[in-house]
């Protein structure tokens, strides 16, 4: 048999093994291959080992990440058909909300929700329509909702969905469209409204999120993100839950799902452990920065003892 130097070529008939050049010593017509460096069948790629004829390379709804883009290029396809980016409009509501740059006034807070939601939406790859802050006045809210419905495929608001007298968002949702559900058996994030608004024959999905910043992020991860994934033409992906042993007792009442901010680390024996970040108040945004995941205490679950295993939704790639 003969030796051929091959770089991506088709293997000649009757040959079944490729020897890396660095293992070969060539002196004139003499070729030396040390014993034991290769076995029969090494360093070859079989026809169809990546994709068999007739097998789909990608399925409808898959995200075109780096690996998928490489696979498309390996098939010699210069273009593929994709769903367009969806447009998502966002505005914060409340007389107490300050836009960055406004002077501080008593009883007011800066609009942090706008920036956390923008960051979460950008991670999803949608086009964001920034509609700023809308005051708690029915006429202003109605105008904002109508405008957003004509511009966007989905609308997200924060604030105005609880039981306060000035919380007009849910009422405006009911006036302009349909509210599918309101008030969720979860913590944080109980006051949340989901529905649709129709304007000039166009229907937009609507998420009325709570006003507290941690509740906004948790409800986004639990409800908004999977819904937008479906709206984008993809398959809603369930979060990957890791099992970790709790380093401290956790109080929990059955009958609602709770999300607590946690820090997952690896113990000396290689097992995963988790501890909470401290104050779990829904306005404590710094604890979301400290955390690397959410401890998920399920609907029927009760108190957690030290050493009990709990599910953790990791933030990597999401937040």
Protein backbone atom coordinates (compact mmCIF):
# COMPACT_ATOMS: atom_id res chain seq x y z
CA UNK A 1 0.00 0.00 0.00
CA UNK A 2 1.07 3.60 -0.45
CA UNK A 3 1.39 6.61 1.82
CA UNK A 4 -0.46 9.78 0.87
CA UNK A 5 -0.34 13.13 2.67
CA UNK A 6 -4.01 14.03 3.07
CA UNK A 7 -5.68 17.28 4.19
CA UNK A 8 -9.43 16.87 4.09
CA UNK A 9 -9.32 14.63 1.02
CA UNK A 10 -11.38 11.52 0.34
CA UNK A 11 -9.52 8.41 1.50
CA UNK A 12 -8.37 6.25 -1.43
CA UNK A 13 -9.98 2.87 -1.89
CA UNK A 14 -8.46 -0.03 0.10
CA UNK A 15 -7.05 2.31 2.78
CA UNK A 16 -8.67 2.52 6.20
CA UNK A 17 -6.29 4.44 8.49
CA UNK A 18 -4.63 7.86 8.57
CA UNK A 19 -1.29 8.35 10.32
CA UNK A 20 -0.63 11.92 11.56
CA UNK A 21 2.34 13.42 9.79
CA UNK A 22 4.12 14.19 13.06
CA UNK A 23 4.35 10.46 13.78
CA UNK A 24 5.97 9.67 10.45
CA UNK A 25 9.66 9.78 9.56
CA UNK A 26 10.35 10.06 5.82
CA UNK A 27 13.83 9.53 4.37
CA UNK A 28 13.78 9.44 0.60
CA UNK A 29 11.47 6.61 -0.41
CA UNK A 30 11.59 5.10 3.05
CA UNK A 31 8.72 5.75 5.48
CA UNK A 32 8.95 4.78 9.15
CA UNK A 33 5.94 4.61 11.45
CA UNK A 34 6.73 3.79 15.10
CA UNK A 35 4.77 0.83 16.47
CA UNK A 36 1.70 1.47 18.60
CA UNK A 37 0.98 5.04 17.53
CA UNK A 38 -2.16 4.20 15.55
CA UNK A 39 -4.70 1.43 15.36
CA UNK A 40 -6.71 0.31 12.36
CA UNK A 41 -9.41 2.89 11.56
CA UNK A 42 -7.80 5.81 13.42
CA UNK A 43 -8.09 9.42 12.25
CA UNK A 44 -10.76 8.90 9.62
CA UNK A 45 -14.18 10.46 9.28
CA UNK A 46 -16.89 8.25 7.91
CA UNK A 47 -19.36 9.40 5.28
CA UNK A 48 -22.52 10.55 7.05
CA UNK A 49 -21.11 10.49 10.60
CA UNK A 50 -22.17 14.12 11.05
CA UNK A 51 -25.45 14.02 9.09
CA UNK A 52 -26.95 11.09 7.25
CA UNK A 53 -28.73 11.73 3.96
CA UNK A 54 -32.30 12.82 4.65
CA UNK A 55 -31.61 13.71 8.28
CA UNK A 56 -32.58 17.31 9.20
CA UNK A 57 -29.63 19.54 10.08
CA UNK A 58 -31.75 22.00 12.08
CA UNK A 59 -35.40 21.92 13.09
CA UNK A 60 -37.92 24.73 12.96
CA UNK A 61 -37.67 26.84 16.08
CA UNK A 62 -34.02 26.17 16.87
CA UNK A 63 -31.89 29.17 17.78
CA UNK A 64 -29.06 29.98 15.40
CA UNK A 65 -26.23 29.98 17.90
CA UNK A 66 -22.51 29.65 17.05
CA UNK A 67 -22.67 25.85 16.55
CA UNK A 68 -25.76 26.07 14.34
CA UNK A 69 -24.17 28.79 12.21
CA UNK A 70 -21.11 26.61 11.73
CA UNK A 71 -23.25 23.64 10.75
CA UNK A 72 -25.11 25.73 8.15
CA UNK A 73 -21.79 26.91 6.69
CA UNK A 74 -20.45 23.33 6.62
CA UNK A 75 -23.38 22.42 4.36
CA UNK A 76 -22.50 25.22 1.95
CA UNK A 77 -25.75 27.12 2.54
CA UNK A 78 -25.29 30.87 2.01
CA UNK A 79 -28.76 31.73 3.36
CA UNK A 80 -31.49 30.21 5.50
CA UNK A 81 -35.05 31.31 6.27
CA UNK A 82 -35.49 32.76 9.76
CA UNK A 83 -38.19 34.49 11.80
CA UNK A 84 -37.85 38.25 12.01
CA UNK A 85 -36.93 39.86 15.30
CA UNK A 86 -40.01 40.61 17.36
CA UNK A 87 -40.60 44.13 18.65
CA UNK A 88 -41.21 44.56 22.38
CA UNK A 89 -42.37 47.88 23.84
CA UNK A 90 -41.64 48.69 27.47
CA UNK A 91 -42.67 51.47 29.81
CA UNK A 92 -42.59 51.96 33.57
CA UNK A 93 -45.63 53.35 35.36
CA UNK A 94 -45.99 55.48 38.46
CA UNK A 95 -45.86 59.08 39.66
CA UNK A 96 -42.98 58.11 41.94
CA UNK A 97 -40.67 56.91 39.15
CA UNK A 98 -37.74 59.12 38.15
CA UNK A 99 -35.97 58.92 34.82
CA UNK A 100 -32.19 59.02 35.11
CA UNK A 101 -31.06 62.63 35.07
CA UNK A 102 -34.15 64.01 36.77
CA UNK A 103 -33.62 65.81 40.09
CA UNK A 104 -34.28 63.74 43.20
CA UNK A 105 -37.53 64.46 45.01
CA UNK A 106 -38.98 63.09 48.23
CA UNK A 107 -40.80 59.77 47.88
CA UNK A 108 -39.46 59.08 44.38
CA UNK A 109 -37.16 56.31 43.13
CA UNK A 110 -35.06 55.97 40.02
CA UNK A 111 -36.34 53.72 37.25
CA UNK A 112 -34.17 50.61 37.69
CA UNK A 113 -36.75 48.26 36.14
CA UNK A 114 -36.36 49.84 32.73
CA UNK A 115 -32.70 48.85 32.56
CA UNK A 116 -32.99 45.35 33.98
CA UNK A 117 -35.83 44.57 31.55
CA UNK A 118 -33.87 46.05 28.64
CA UNK A 119 -30.91 43.84 29.54
CA UNK A 120 -33.10 40.73 29.71
CA UNK A 121 -34.74 41.57 26.38
CA UNK A 122 -31.41 42.19 24.67
CA UNK A 123 -30.24 38.75 25.82
CA UNK A 124 -33.22 37.32 23.94
CA UNK A 125 -32.33 39.19 20.76
CA UNK A 126 -35.52 41.24 20.36
CA UNK A 127 -35.92 44.84 19.18
CA UNK A 128 -36.76 47.01 22.18
CA UNK A 129 -39.02 50.06 21.95
CA UNK A 130 -38.31 52.39 24.88
CA UNK A 131 -41.46 54.27 25.90
CA UNK A 132 -40.02 55.75 29.08
CA UNK A 133 -42.10 56.45 32.18
CA UNK A 134 -45.88 56.95 32.12
CA UNK A 135 -47.59 58.68 35.03
CA UNK A 136 -50.51 57.14 36.91
CA UNK A 137 -53.17 58.94 34.87
CA UNK A 138 -55.74 56.87 32.94
CA UNK A 139 -55.59 59.12 29.86
CA UNK A 140 -51.79 58.89 29.66
CA UNK A 141 -51.82 55.14 30.22
CA UNK A 142 -54.47 54.64 27.56
CA UNK A 143 -52.46 56.63 25.03
CA UNK A 144 -49.30 54.67 25.89
CA UNK A 145 -51.02 51.30 25.56
CA UNK A 146 -52.66 52.21 22.25
CA UNK A 147 -49.38 53.49 20.83
CA UNK A 148 -47.46 50.43 22.04
CA UNK A 149 -50.02 48.06 20.55
CA UNK A 150 -49.61 49.60 17.09
CA UNK A 151 -45.79 49.44 17.29
CA UNK A 152 -44.96 46.18 19.03
CA UNK A 153 -45.68 42.46 19.03
CA UNK A 154 -45.54 42.43 22.83
CA UNK A 155 -45.84 45.05 25.56
CA UNK A 156 -44.21 44.94 28.99
CA UNK A 157 -44.98 47.34 31.82
CA UNK A 158 -43.88 47.46 35.43
CA UNK A 159 -45.99 48.74 38.30
CA UNK A 160 -49.67 49.50 38.56
CA UNK A 161 -51.05 45.95 38.86
CA UNK A 162 -51.54 45.68 42.63
CA UNK A 163 -54.52 46.77 44.73
CA UNK A 164 -53.65 50.46 45.21
CA UNK A 165 -56.06 53.20 44.22
CA UNK A 166 -53.56 54.63 41.77
CA UNK A 167 -52.79 51.28 40.14
CA UNK A 168 -54.58 51.75 36.82
CA UNK A 169 -52.62 49.38 34.59
CA UNK A 170 -54.80 46.31 35.07
CA UNK A 171 -58.00 48.35 34.65
CA UNK A 172 -56.65 49.81 31.41
CA UNK A 173 -55.72 46.34 30.20
CA UNK A 174 -59.30 45.19 30.75
CA UNK A 175 -60.68 48.29 29.03
CA UNK A 176 -58.52 47.95 25.91
CA UNK A 177 -58.22 44.18 25.66
CA UNK A 178 -58.38 40.97 27.65
CA UNK A 179 -56.74 39.94 30.91
CA UNK A 180 -56.02 36.21 30.81
CA UNK A 181 -54.96 36.00 34.45
CA UNK A 182 -53.88 38.19 37.35
CA UNK A 183 -52.27 37.46 40.70
CA UNK A 184 -49.97 34.43 40.65
CA UNK A 185 -49.36 31.97 43.49
CA UNK A 186 -45.68 32.82 43.63
CA UNK A 187 -43.24 34.91 45.62
CA UNK A 188 -41.93 37.38 44.66
CA UNK A 189 -44.21 38.48 41.86
CA UNK A 190 -47.77 37.79 42.96
CA UNK A 191 -49.33 40.90 41.34
CA UNK A 192 -48.81 40.20 37.66
CA UNK A 193 -51.27 40.55 34.79
CA UNK A 194 -51.09 38.80 31.42
CA UNK A 195 -53.38 39.48 28.49
CA UNK A 196 -53.73 41.09 25.07
CA UNK A 197 -54.44 44.57 23.77
CA UNK A 198 -55.97 45.11 20.34
CA UNK A 199 -55.60 48.41 18.50
CA UNK A 200 -56.56 49.07 14.87
CA UNK A 201 -56.99 45.37 14.26
CA UNK A 202 -53.55 44.49 15.63
CA UNK A 203 -53.24 42.34 18.75
CA UNK A 204 -50.23 42.56 21.08
CA UNK A 205 -49.33 40.27 23.94
CA UNK A 206 -49.20 42.18 27.22
CA UNK A 207 -47.34 41.55 30.47
CA UNK A 208 -48.10 43.81 33.42
CA UNK A 209 -45.23 43.08 35.80
CA UNK A 210 -45.00 44.12 39.46
CA UNK A 211 -43.22 47.29 40.49
CA UNK A 212 -40.56 45.85 42.81
CA UNK A 213 -37.32 45.24 40.89
CA UNK A 214 -36.62 41.66 42.02
CA UNK A 215 -40.23 40.67 41.35
CA UNK A 216 -39.88 42.13 37.85
CA UNK A 217 -36.84 39.97 37.11
CA UNK A 218 -38.31 36.78 38.59
CA UNK A 219 -41.63 37.11 36.74
CA UNK A 220 -39.75 37.87 33.53
CA UNK A 221 -37.74 34.64 33.85
CA UNK A 222 -40.74 32.53 34.87
CA UNK A 223 -43.35 33.85 32.42
CA UNK A 224 -42.20 36.50 29.95
CA UNK A 225 -39.04 34.86 28.62
CA UNK A 226 -40.66 31.53 27.61
CA UNK A 227 -43.66 33.34 26.10
CA UNK A 228 -41.45 35.60 24.00
CA UNK A 229 -39.41 32.60 22.87
CA UNK A 230 -42.60 31.09 21.45
CA UNK A 231 -43.59 34.41 19.89
CA UNK A 232 -40.16 34.54 18.22
CA UNK A 233 -40.90 31.25 16.50
CA UNK A 234 -38.78 29.15 18.83
CA UNK A 235 -39.53 26.48 21.35
CA UNK A 236 -39.93 27.70 24.92
CA UNK A 237 -36.97 26.27 26.80
CA UNK A 238 -37.44 25.12 30.38
CA UNK A 239 -34.72 26.38 32.71
CA UNK A 240 -32.08 23.86 33.68
CA UNK A 241 -32.43 23.13 37.40
CA UNK A 242 -29.42 21.94 39.38
CA UNK A 243 -29.65 20.08 42.66
CA UNK A 244 -27.72 21.60 45.56
CA UNK A 245 -27.70 21.05 49.32
CA UNK A 246 -28.99 23.98 51.33
CA UNK A 247 -26.48 25.36 53.86
CA UNK A 248 -29.25 26.94 55.92
CA UNK A 249 -32.89 26.34 56.83
CA UNK A 250 -35.44 27.97 54.53
CA UNK A 251 -38.98 28.83 55.58
CA UNK A 252 -41.65 28.02 53.01
CA UNK A 253 -45.42 27.64 53.10
CA UNK A 254 -47.02 25.10 50.74
CA UNK A 255 -49.44 26.57 48.22
CA UNK A 256 -47.18 28.88 46.24
CA UNK A 257 -43.90 28.73 44.36
CA UNK A 258 -41.08 30.76 45.88
CA UNK A 259 -37.85 31.96 44.33
CA UNK A 260 -35.01 32.87 46.65
CA UNK A 261 -31.75 34.39 45.53
CA UNK A 262 -28.88 32.00 46.13
CA UNK A 263 -25.14 31.51 45.71
CA UNK A 264 -24.16 28.06 44.48
CA UNK A 265 -20.65 26.79 45.19
CA UNK A 266 -18.83 23.48 45.23
CA UNK A 267 -17.95 21.81 48.52
CA UNK A 268 -14.69 20.00 49.22
CA UNK A 269 -16.25 16.63 48.36
CA UNK A 270 -17.33 17.93 44.95
CA UNK A 271 -21.04 18.28 45.80
CA UNK A 272 -22.97 21.50 45.09
CA UNK A 273 -24.16 23.65 47.98
CA UNK A 274 -26.28 26.78 48.04
CA UNK A 275 -26.89 29.60 50.49
CA UNK A 276 -29.22 32.57 50.23
CA UNK A 277 -27.88 36.06 49.64
CA UNK A 278 -29.42 37.46 52.82
CA UNK A 279 -32.39 39.82 52.74
CA UNK A 280 -34.92 38.37 50.29
CA UNK A 281 -37.10 41.48 50.05
CA UNK A 282 -38.45 42.07 46.54
CA UNK A 283 -36.94 45.55 46.51
CA UNK A 284 -33.40 44.38 47.34
CA UNK A 285 -31.85 44.48 43.88
CA UNK A 286 -28.27 44.11 45.15
CA UNK A 287 -29.06 40.52 46.13
CA UNK A 288 -29.73 39.69 42.46
CA UNK A 289 -26.24 40.97 41.64
CA UNK A 290 -24.70 38.80 44.38
CA UNK A 291 -26.64 35.68 43.40
CA UNK A 292 -25.73 33.24 40.65
CA UNK A 293 -29.10 31.49 40.66
CA UNK A 294 -32.61 31.28 42.07
CA UNK A 295 -33.51 28.62 44.62
CA UNK A 296 -36.85 27.24 43.39
CA UNK A 297 -39.13 26.13 46.21
CA UNK A 298 -42.00 24.40 44.45
CA UNK A 299 -45.74 24.89 44.96
CA UNK A 300 -46.36 21.97 47.34
CA UNK A 301 -42.97 22.16 49.07
CA UNK A 302 -42.65 23.08 52.76
CA UNK A 303 -39.76 24.15 54.96
CA UNK A 304 -36.23 23.18 53.95
CA UNK A 305 -33.77 21.88 56.55
CA UNK A 306 -29.99 22.21 56.46
CA UNK A 307 -28.61 19.55 54.12
CA UNK A 308 -31.84 19.11 52.15
CA UNK A 309 -31.51 19.15 48.37
CA UNK A 310 -33.20 22.02 46.54
CA UNK A 311 -33.58 22.97 42.87
CA UNK A 312 -31.61 25.98 41.64
CA UNK A 313 -32.24 27.86 38.38
CA UNK A 314 -28.82 29.14 37.34
CA UNK A 315 -28.43 32.61 35.85
CA UNK A 316 -25.66 31.78 33.39
CA UNK A 317 -26.62 32.96 29.90
CA UNK A 318 -29.94 34.42 31.13
CA UNK A 319 -29.09 37.36 33.40
